[in-house]
Amino acid sequence: MQRGMCLKSAWKLFKSSSERAARNYSHPSSRGSIGLLFDIDGVLVRGRTPIPAAKQCFRNLVDHQGKYKVPVVFVTNAGNCMRQTKAEHLSHLLEVEVSPDQVMLSHSPLRMFSQFHQMCVLVSGQGPVEEVAHMLGFQKVVTIDNLREGYPLLDIVDHNRRPKDHIPPTKGLQPIDAVILFGEPIRWETNLQLIVDVLLTNGKPDRNWNSVAYPQIPLLACNMDLLWMAEAKNPRFGHGMFLLCLESLYKKVTGHDLKYEALIGKPSVVTYNYAELLVRQQAERLGWATPVKRLYAIGDNPMADIYGANLYNRYLQAAHNSFEASKMTSTELGGAPGVFGASDDLPEACHSILVCTGVYSKEEALPSDPSHAVTEQRVFHGHRDFRFDPSLTQPSYVVQDVKDAVELVFQQEGWPLD
């Protein structure tokens, strides 16, 4: 699909919401155009607790009327909620108005995967997964709970959930055409078992396993974070850990590597393409006549935020200089049906800024040379299908917290921050 065609379809999705959010933006600056991409967990909050620097940071990013001075998009790998819910939560925590149009969850790019929207899909995660799936455009949705109820003999690890006295009849469900993984579920054993059942029966879990049918039905996964930062002193397991378990189980049973149709969320390029589209939409509401030239991505996770921003920067350099993007795998590109915008519309660069309030944290003083900041990262925490390129984990800048990050950006751009 050509870039222009995909851009046109993307604009149709967002045009209806443009005017609603216009009141949230201040007048444009004549100094140039930038966009800010903020991770949430470990940058703005730790679990439910705001990081102290975040409130002050956002006071500086809005004018006295509460309107944003520059386009701001919150890019998170969380995906077990609706954008409206996340926007309301951020508005309360940061004490500034955050619009749903500024929030990008890990699953947001699935809006563009329209070839799956008419298929019967099994969705895994927690929270309002069925509502989220319908909101993204999927018409025929089956949840793990639907599957358990339809085939009551499948979920028996917990003895209390096993059928008692008699074997209930199976209800039978429509064959499943694809599997969508939104995020880590609550009952890992149930989801792992039932997803493997679906994959090994070609979407018909009442049939016998058949590992000969390979590759399996399409599998799309959002959020590859192995670890994330909450209130605990040490990182917690993320959806990437669940994917690791699923991949290991599938290979142990079949001898084959599990195949993904798409891996979405940071650090995939399609996620940053989509975020840049949201930035461009906001810049239009600001009245900026020229395209956004530079993006600054602020995060705490070298293997998600920094790797992703740097990978996208590499993609931008290839687009502008007519280099072949063949060095990037289709997985790293995100499996998208196309990218958004012609090369002339794309930013010149995407700079990565690492903060020390989340997954990455140093007790000692920050080094003066950012190139030596995270060289101790020796264990690859990225997804199996992403290459370990140590240079992509090196941030453009390292700062203590998000307030320092925003001050650095404005200093680099020569803008006043008052």
Protein backbone atom coordinates (compact mmCIF):
# COMPACT_ATOMS: atom_id res chain seq x y z
CA MET A 1 0.00 0.00 0.00
CA GLN A 2 1.31 3.41 -0.90
CA ARG A 3 2.15 5.87 1.86
CA GLY A 4 -0.30 8.44 0.56
CA MET A 5 -3.20 5.98 0.56
CA CYS A 6 -2.52 4.95 4.15
CA LEU A 7 -2.17 8.55 5.25
CA LYS A 8 -5.50 9.41 3.66
CA SER A 9 -7.28 6.60 5.50
CA ALA A 10 -5.60 7.59 8.76
CA TRP A 11 -6.73 11.19 8.42
CA LYS A 12 -10.31 10.02 7.91
CA LEU A 13 -10.12 8.23 11.26
CA PHE A 14 -8.95 11.32 13.10
CA LYS A 15 -10.64 14.20 11.28
CA SER A 16 -13.83 13.95 13.28
CA SER A 17 -11.97 14.48 16.57
CA SER A 18 -9.78 17.38 15.43
CA GLU A 19 -12.13 20.23 16.27
CA ARG A 20 -13.12 18.78 19.65
CA ALA A 21 -9.56 18.98 20.98
CA ALA A 22 -8.60 22.28 19.34
CA ARG A 23 -9.39 24.29 22.47
CA ASN A 24 -6.55 22.51 24.33
CA TYR A 25 -3.76 24.12 22.30
CA SER A 26 -2.09 27.50 22.52
CA HIS A 27 -1.04 29.68 19.59
CA PRO A 28 1.87 28.46 17.48
CA SER A 29 5.42 29.56 18.02
CA SER A 30 7.35 31.06 15.14
CA ARG A 31 10.55 29.36 16.29
CA GLY A 32 9.94 26.01 14.65
CA SER A 33 7.94 22.86 15.21
CA ILE A 34 8.63 19.94 17.52
CA GLY A 35 6.60 17.17 19.09
CA LEU A 36 6.97 15.49 22.47
CA LEU A 37 6.32 11.78 23.06
CA PHE A 38 5.99 10.81 26.73
CA ASP A 39 6.10 7.32 28.15
CA ILE A 40 3.93 7.05 31.28
CA ASP A 41 5.03 4.31 33.69
CA GLY A 42 8.42 5.17 35.17
CA VAL A 43 8.39 8.65 33.59
CA LEU A 44 5.22 10.32 34.88
CA VAL A 45 4.02 7.79 37.45
CA ARG A 46 5.15 4.77 39.47
CA GLY A 47 2.04 2.61 39.67
CA ARG A 48 -0.61 5.02 40.98
CA THR A 49 1.88 7.51 42.43
CA PRO A 50 2.85 10.55 40.32
CA ILE A 51 6.56 11.26 40.01
CA PRO A 52 6.97 14.67 41.70
CA ALA A 53 8.72 16.29 38.74
CA ALA A 54 5.85 15.44 36.38
CA LYS A 55 3.34 18.00 37.67
CA GLN A 56 5.82 20.85 37.47
CA CYS A 57 6.88 19.71 34.03
CA PHE A 58 3.35 19.95 32.68
CA ARG A 59 2.72 23.29 34.32
CA ASN A 60 5.54 24.52 32.11
CA LEU A 61 4.11 22.87 29.00
CA VAL A 62 0.80 24.74 29.11
CA ASP A 63 0.11 28.47 29.07
CA HIS A 64 -1.89 30.39 31.68
CA GLN A 65 -5.11 29.23 30.00
CA GLY A 66 -4.08 25.57 30.21
CA LYS A 67 -3.41 25.24 26.48
CA TYR A 68 -0.43 23.21 25.29
CA LYS A 69 2.49 25.09 23.77
CA VAL A 70 3.62 22.15 21.63
CA PRO A 71 2.05 18.88 20.46
CA VAL A 72 2.16 16.25 23.22
CA VAL A 73 1.38 12.54 22.83
CA PHE A 74 1.48 9.97 25.61
CA VAL A 75 2.87 6.75 24.14
CA THR A 76 2.46 3.84 26.51
CA ASN A 77 2.68 0.08 26.12
CA ALA A 78 -0.24 -0.29 28.49
CA GLY A 79 -3.30 -1.61 26.72
CA ASN A 80 -5.84 -2.96 29.19
CA CYS A 81 -8.07 0.10 29.16
CA MET A 82 -9.75 2.65 26.89
CA ARG A 83 -8.05 5.86 25.76
CA GLN A 84 -10.73 7.95 27.48
CA THR A 85 -10.02 6.23 30.81
CA LYS A 86 -6.27 6.76 30.50
CA ALA A 87 -6.76 10.41 29.53
CA GLU A 88 -8.96 11.06 32.57
CA HIS A 89 -6.41 9.35 34.81
CA LEU A 90 -3.56 11.47 33.43
CA SER A 91 -5.61 14.66 33.71
CA HIS A 92 -6.16 13.96 37.40
CA LEU A 93 -2.53 13.05 38.11
CA LEU A 94 -0.88 15.86 36.13
CA GLU A 95 -3.50 18.53 36.89
CA VAL A 96 -3.74 19.55 33.22
CA GLU A 97 -6.36 18.56 30.68
CA VAL A 98 -5.37 15.50 28.66
CA SER A 99 -7.51 14.62 25.65
CA PRO A 100 -8.04 11.02 24.45
CA ASP A 101 -6.57 12.23 21.14
CA GLN A 102 -3.27 12.70 22.97
CA VAL A 103 -3.16 9.14 24.33
CA MET A 104 -1.70 6.27 22.37
CA LEU A 105 -2.01 2.81 23.91
CA SER A 106 -0.07 -0.21 22.70
CA HIS A 107 -3.05 -1.47 20.70
CA SER A 108 -3.96 1.86 19.03
CA PRO A 109 -2.30 1.02 15.66
CA LEU A 110 -4.60 -1.99 15.32
CA ARG A 111 -7.13 0.47 13.88
CA MET A 112 -5.07 0.30 10.70
CA PHE A 113 -5.15 -3.52 10.44
CA SER A 114 -8.53 -3.51 8.74
CA GLN A 115 -7.89 -6.83 6.98
CA PHE A 116 -8.59 -8.53 10.34
CA HIS A 117 -11.61 -6.45 11.38
CA GLN A 118 -14.20 -8.79 9.82
CA MET A 119 -12.53 -11.95 11.12
CA CYS A 120 -13.56 -13.81 14.26
CA VAL A 121 -10.79 -12.98 16.74
CA LEU A 122 -9.88 -14.33 20.16
CA VAL A 123 -8.74 -11.53 22.47
CA SER A 124 -6.54 -11.95 25.55
CA GLY A 125 -5.73 -9.46 28.29
CA GLN A 126 -7.56 -7.91 31.19
CA GLY A 127 -9.98 -5.05 31.64
CA PRO A 128 -12.63 -4.26 29.01
CA VAL A 129 -10.94 -6.32 26.26
CA GLU A 130 -14.14 -6.89 24.30
CA GLU A 131 -15.02 -3.19 24.35
CA VAL A 132 -11.47 -2.26 23.36
CA ALA A 133 -11.56 -4.72 20.45
CA HIS A 134 -14.83 -3.32 19.13
CA MET A 135 -13.54 0.23 19.51
CA LEU A 136 -10.52 -0.69 17.36
CA GLY A 137 -12.80 -1.98 14.60
CA PHE A 138 -13.04 -5.73 15.25
CA GLN A 139 -16.58 -6.94 14.59
CA LYS A 140 -16.55 -10.57 15.79
CA VAL A 141 -14.88 -10.90 19.18
CA VAL A 142 -14.42 -13.95 21.41
CA THR A 143 -12.91 -13.55 24.88
CA ILE A 144 -11.04 -16.15 26.93
CA ASP A 145 -14.07 -16.31 29.23
CA ASN A 146 -16.32 -16.98 26.22
CA LEU A 147 -13.98 -19.81 25.25
CA ARG A 148 -14.00 -21.28 28.78
CA GLU A 149 -17.79 -21.23 28.87
CA GLY A 150 -18.07 -22.73 25.40
CA TYR A 151 -15.57 -25.53 26.09
CA PRO A 152 -15.67 -26.17 29.87
CA LEU A 153 -13.15 -29.04 29.80
CA LEU A 154 -10.26 -26.88 28.57
CA ASP A 155 -9.45 -24.93 31.76
CA ILE A 156 -8.66 -27.39 34.55
CA VAL A 157 -5.36 -26.30 36.17
CA ASP A 158 -7.32 -24.81 39.07
CA HIS A 159 -9.15 -27.78 40.60
CA ASN A 160 -11.92 -25.48 41.78
CA ARG A 161 -12.73 -24.64 38.16
CA ARG A 162 -12.97 -28.22 36.99
CA PRO A 163 -16.47 -29.53 36.18
CA LYS A 164 -18.11 -31.25 39.16
CA ASP A 165 -20.33 -34.34 39.13
CA HIS A 166 -21.01 -34.36 35.40
CA ILE A 167 -19.37 -33.22 32.19
CA PRO A 168 -21.21 -30.16 30.83
CA PRO A 169 -21.90 -30.06 27.11
CA THR A 170 -19.83 -27.84 24.86
CA LYS A 171 -21.69 -24.90 23.39
CA GLY A 172 -19.57 -24.64 20.30
CA LEU A 173 -18.34 -21.32 19.00
CA GLN A 174 -17.59 -19.89 15.59
CA PRO A 175 -14.12 -20.97 14.40
CA ILE A 176 -11.47 -18.45 15.40
CA ASP A 177 -9.57 -16.83 12.53
CA ALA A 178 -6.93 -14.86 14.46
CA VAL A 179 -5.67 -14.22 18.01
CA ILE A 180 -5.12 -10.71 19.44
CA LEU A 181 -3.02 -10.33 22.60
CA PHE A 182 -3.67 -6.95 24.23
CA GLY A 183 -1.65 -7.37 27.41
CA GLU A 184 -0.84 -9.61 30.33
CA PRO A 185 -3.89 -11.51 31.65
CA ILE A 186 -4.68 -12.20 35.29
CA ARG A 187 -4.76 -16.01 35.02
CA TRP A 188 -1.70 -16.84 32.97
CA GLU A 189 -2.26 -20.61 33.11
CA THR A 190 -5.77 -20.30 31.68
CA ASN A 191 -4.81 -17.97 28.86
CA LEU A 192 -1.67 -19.91 27.94
CA GLN A 193 -3.59 -23.19 27.81
CA LEU A 194 -6.53 -21.89 25.77
CA ILE A 195 -4.41 -19.86 23.35
CA VAL A 196 -2.26 -22.92 22.64
CA ASP A 197 -5.45 -24.94 22.14
CA VAL A 198 -6.66 -22.44 19.56
CA LEU A 199 -3.31 -22.24 17.77
CA LEU A 200 -2.92 -26.04 17.55
CA THR A 201 -6.47 -26.69 16.30
CA ASN A 202 -6.57 -24.04 13.58
CA GLY A 203 -9.06 -22.03 15.61
CA LYS A 204 -11.35 -24.97 16.48
CA PRO A 205 -10.49 -25.90 20.09
CA ASP A 206 -12.90 -28.86 20.19
CA ARG A 207 -10.70 -30.64 17.65
CA ASN A 208 -7.48 -32.61 18.21
CA TRP A 209 -4.17 -30.79 18.31
CA ASN A 210 -2.42 -30.71 14.95
CA SER A 211 1.12 -29.35 14.97
CA VAL A 212 1.52 -30.22 11.30
CA ALA A 213 -0.58 -27.21 10.29
CA TYR A 214 2.20 -24.64 10.40
CA PRO A 215 2.40 -21.71 10.60
CA GLN A 216 -0.61 -21.32 12.84
CA ILE A 217 -3.52 -18.91 12.39
CA PRO A 218 -2.54 -15.20 12.54
CA LEU A 219 -1.31 -13.95 15.91
CA LEU A 220 -1.03 -10.23 16.68
CA ALA A 221 0.53 -9.08 19.96
CA CYS A 222 0.65 -5.67 21.62
CA ASN A 223 3.18 -4.60 24.26
CA MET A 224 6.48 -6.47 24.24
CA ASP A 225 7.78 -5.04 27.53
CA LEU A 226 9.59 -7.75 29.46
CA LEU A 227 9.65 -5.52 32.55
CA TRP A 228 7.93 -2.35 33.73
CA MET A 229 8.17 -0.12 36.78
CA ALA A 230 5.47 0.24 39.44
CA GLU A 231 5.76 1.16 43.13
CA ALA A 232 7.93 -1.86 43.96
CA LYS A 233 11.66 -1.30 44.28
CA ASN A 234 12.40 -3.68 41.41
CA PRO A 235 10.72 -4.00 37.97
CA ARG A 236 7.65 -6.20 37.51
CA PHE A 237 6.95 -8.77 34.78
CA GLY A 238 5.24 -7.30 31.71
CA HIS A 239 3.38 -8.71 28.73
CA GLY A 240 6.72 -9.52 27.10
CA MET A 241 7.21 -12.14 29.81
CA PHE A 242 3.81 -13.65 28.97
CA LEU A 243 4.81 -13.77 25.28
CA LEU A 244 8.06 -15.48 26.25
CA CYS A 245 6.09 -18.16 28.09
CA LEU A 246 3.70 -18.64 25.17
CA GLU A 247 6.57 -18.91 22.67
CA SER A 248 8.40 -21.44 24.84
CA LEU A 249 5.30 -23.58 25.35
CA TYR A 250 4.45 -23.57 21.65
CA LYS A 251 7.98 -24.55 20.64
CA LYS A 252 8.19 -27.24 23.32
CA VAL A 253 4.98 -28.84 22.08
CA THR A 254 5.43 -28.43 18.31
CA GLY A 255 9.15 -27.99 17.74
CA HIS A 256 8.36 -24.85 15.73
CA ASP A 257 8.87 -21.17 16.46
CA LEU A 258 5.63 -19.30 17.10
CA LYS A 259 4.94 -16.90 14.23
CA TYR A 260 3.54 -13.40 14.70
CA GLU A 261 1.54 -11.57 12.08
CA ALA A 262 2.44 -8.34 13.86
CA LEU A 263 4.15 -7.13 17.03
CA ILE A 264 2.75 -3.73 17.99
CA GLY A 265 3.71 -1.22 20.64
CA LYS A 266 7.14 0.12 21.49
CA PRO A 267 9.72 -0.46 20.05
CA SER A 268 8.05 -1.21 16.66
CA VAL A 269 8.27 1.45 13.95
CA VAL A 270 4.52 1.38 13.25
CA THR A 271 3.90 2.61 16.80
CA TYR A 272 6.06 5.68 16.28
CA ASN A 273 4.56 6.23 12.82
CA TYR A 274 1.15 6.32 14.44
CA ALA A 275 2.31 8.59 17.28
CA GLU A 276 3.81 10.99 14.73
CA LEU A 277 0.46 11.09 12.96
CA LEU A 278 -1.16 12.21 16.22
CA VAL A 279 1.55 14.86 16.65
CA ARG A 280 0.95 16.11 13.12
CA GLN A 281 -2.78 16.34 13.78
CA GLN A 282 -2.13 18.45 16.87
CA ALA A 283 0.32 20.67 15.00
CA GLU A 284 -2.41 21.37 12.47
CA ARG A 285 -4.73 22.46 15.28
CA LEU A 286 -1.96 24.71 16.59
CA GLY A 287 -1.91 26.39 13.20
CA TRP A 288 1.64 25.39 12.34
CA ALA A 289 2.13 25.80 8.60
CA THR A 290 5.28 23.67 8.37
CA PRO A 291 5.60 19.96 9.20
CA VAL A 292 6.93 18.90 12.59
CA LYS A 293 10.68 18.67 12.13
CA ARG A 294 11.86 16.92 15.27
CA LEU A 295 10.37 14.50 17.75
CA TYR A 296 11.68 14.01 21.27
CA ALA A 297 10.75 10.68 22.89
CA ILE A 298 11.09 10.59 26.68
CA GLY A 299 11.18 7.21 28.42
CA ASP A 300 12.68 5.11 31.20
CA ASN A 301 13.13 1.73 29.49
CA PRO A 302 16.22 1.33 27.26
CA MET A 303 14.77 -1.74 25.51
CA ALA A 304 11.37 -0.20 24.75
CA ASP A 305 11.44 3.61 24.79
CA ILE A 306 15.02 4.25 23.75
CA TYR A 307 15.38 1.33 21.34
CA GLY A 308 12.06 2.24 19.71
CA ALA A 309 12.81 5.94 19.33
CA ASN A 310 16.26 5.20 17.91
CA LEU A 311 14.85 2.57 15.55
CA TYR A 312 12.29 5.09 14.32
CA ASN A 313 15.04 7.67 13.88
CA ARG A 314 16.92 5.16 11.74
CA TYR A 315 13.76 4.63 9.71
CA LEU A 316 13.39 8.41 9.24
CA GLN A 317 16.98 8.72 8.02
CA ALA A 318 16.35 5.94 5.50
CA ALA A 319 13.13 7.60 4.30
CA HIS A 320 14.75 11.02 3.82
CA ASN A 321 17.95 9.76 2.24
CA SER A 322 16.37 7.13 -0.02
CA PHE A 323 18.26 4.36 1.78
CA GLU A 324 16.84 0.90 1.71
CA ALA A 325 15.09 0.02 4.94
CA SER A 326 15.96 -3.63 4.34
CA LYS A 327 18.13 -3.68 7.45
CA MET A 328 14.92 -3.58 9.45
CA THR A 329 12.94 -6.77 9.71
CA SER A 330 9.21 -6.76 8.98
CA THR A 331 8.73 -7.43 12.69
CA GLU A 332 10.62 -4.29 13.65
CA LEU A 333 8.50 -2.31 11.22
CA GLY A 334 5.48 -3.64 13.08
CA GLY A 335 3.76 -5.61 10.36
CA ALA A 336 1.76 -2.54 9.36
CA PRO A 337 -0.16 -2.49 6.06
CA GLY A 338 1.69 0.72 5.20
CA VAL A 339 3.25 3.78 6.77
CA PHE A 340 1.78 7.18 7.32
CA GLY A 341 2.78 10.04 5.11
CA ALA A 342 5.20 10.75 2.29
CA SER A 343 8.85 11.24 3.19
CA ASP A 344 8.45 15.02 2.81
CA ASP A 345 5.87 15.00 5.61
CA LEU A 346 7.89 12.88 8.00
CA PRO A 347 10.05 14.48 10.72
CA GLU A 348 13.76 14.92 10.15
CA ALA A 349 14.68 13.06 13.33
CA CYS A 350 13.47 11.45 16.52
CA HIS A 351 15.72 12.04 19.56
CA SER A 352 15.60 9.71 22.56
CA ILE A 353 15.81 10.95 26.15
CA LEU A 354 16.33 8.50 29.01
CA VAL A 355 15.15 9.40 32.51
CA CYS A 356 16.38 7.70 35.69
CA THR A 357 13.06 7.37 37.54
CA GLY A 358 11.89 3.99 36.26
CA VAL A 359 13.33 0.79 34.79
CA TYR A 360 16.66 2.53 34.27
CA SER A 361 18.02 4.02 37.48
CA LYS A 362 21.50 4.95 38.67
CA GLU A 363 22.40 5.74 42.23
CA GLU A 364 25.65 7.47 41.33
CA ALA A 365 25.96 10.84 39.60
CA LEU A 366 24.99 10.91 35.94
CA PRO A 367 27.95 10.63 33.56
CA SER A 368 28.81 13.71 31.55
CA ASP A 369 29.06 11.67 28.35
CA PRO A 370 25.67 10.07 27.48
CA SER A 371 27.38 7.53 25.22
CA HIS A 372 28.74 5.84 28.36
CA ALA A 373 25.49 5.97 30.29
CA VAL A 374 23.99 2.56 29.65
CA THR A 375 26.87 0.51 28.30
CA GLU A 376 26.38 -1.98 31.11
CA GLN A 377 23.22 -3.21 29.33
CA ARG A 378 24.52 -6.63 28.33
CA VAL A 379 21.42 -8.84 28.66
CA PHE A 380 18.94 -8.44 25.81
CA HIS A 381 15.49 -7.74 27.26
CA GLY A 382 13.92 -7.11 23.87
CA HIS A 383 11.60 -9.45 22.03
CA ARG A 384 12.95 -12.57 20.35
CA ASP A 385 12.14 -11.23 16.87
CA PHE A 386 14.02 -7.94 17.35
CA ARG A 387 17.75 -7.90 16.79
CA PHE A 388 20.04 -6.93 19.63
CA ASP A 389 21.72 -3.80 18.35
CA PRO A 390 23.44 -2.23 21.38
CA SER A 391 23.71 1.12 19.62
CA LEU A 392 19.91 1.41 19.62
CA THR A 393 19.81 1.25 23.42
CA GLN A 394 22.04 4.33 23.69
CA PRO A 395 19.94 7.46 24.30
CA SER A 396 20.55 10.80 22.67
CA TYR A 397 20.43 12.32 26.16
CA VAL A 398 20.30 11.10 29.77
CA VAL A 399 18.64 13.23 32.46
CA GLN A 400 17.41 12.70 35.98
CA ASP A 401 13.65 13.11 35.46
CA VAL A 402 10.94 14.28 33.08
CA LYS A 403 11.18 17.92 34.16
CA ASP A 404 14.86 17.95 33.25
CA ALA A 405 13.99 16.28 29.96
CA VAL A 406 11.52 18.98 28.91
CA GLU A 407 13.88 21.74 30.00
CA LEU A 408 16.61 20.13 27.90
CA VAL A 409 14.34 20.01 24.82
CA PHE A 410 13.38 23.66 25.09
CA GLN A 411 17.01 24.63 25.64
CA GLN A 412 18.05 22.64 22.56
CA GLU A 413 15.36 24.35 20.51
CA GLY A 414 16.11 27.81 21.85
CA TRP A 415 12.57 28.24 23.16
CA PRO A 416 11.70 29.98 26.41
CA LEU A 417 10.03 27.73 28.98
CA ASP A 418 7.93 30.11 31.03
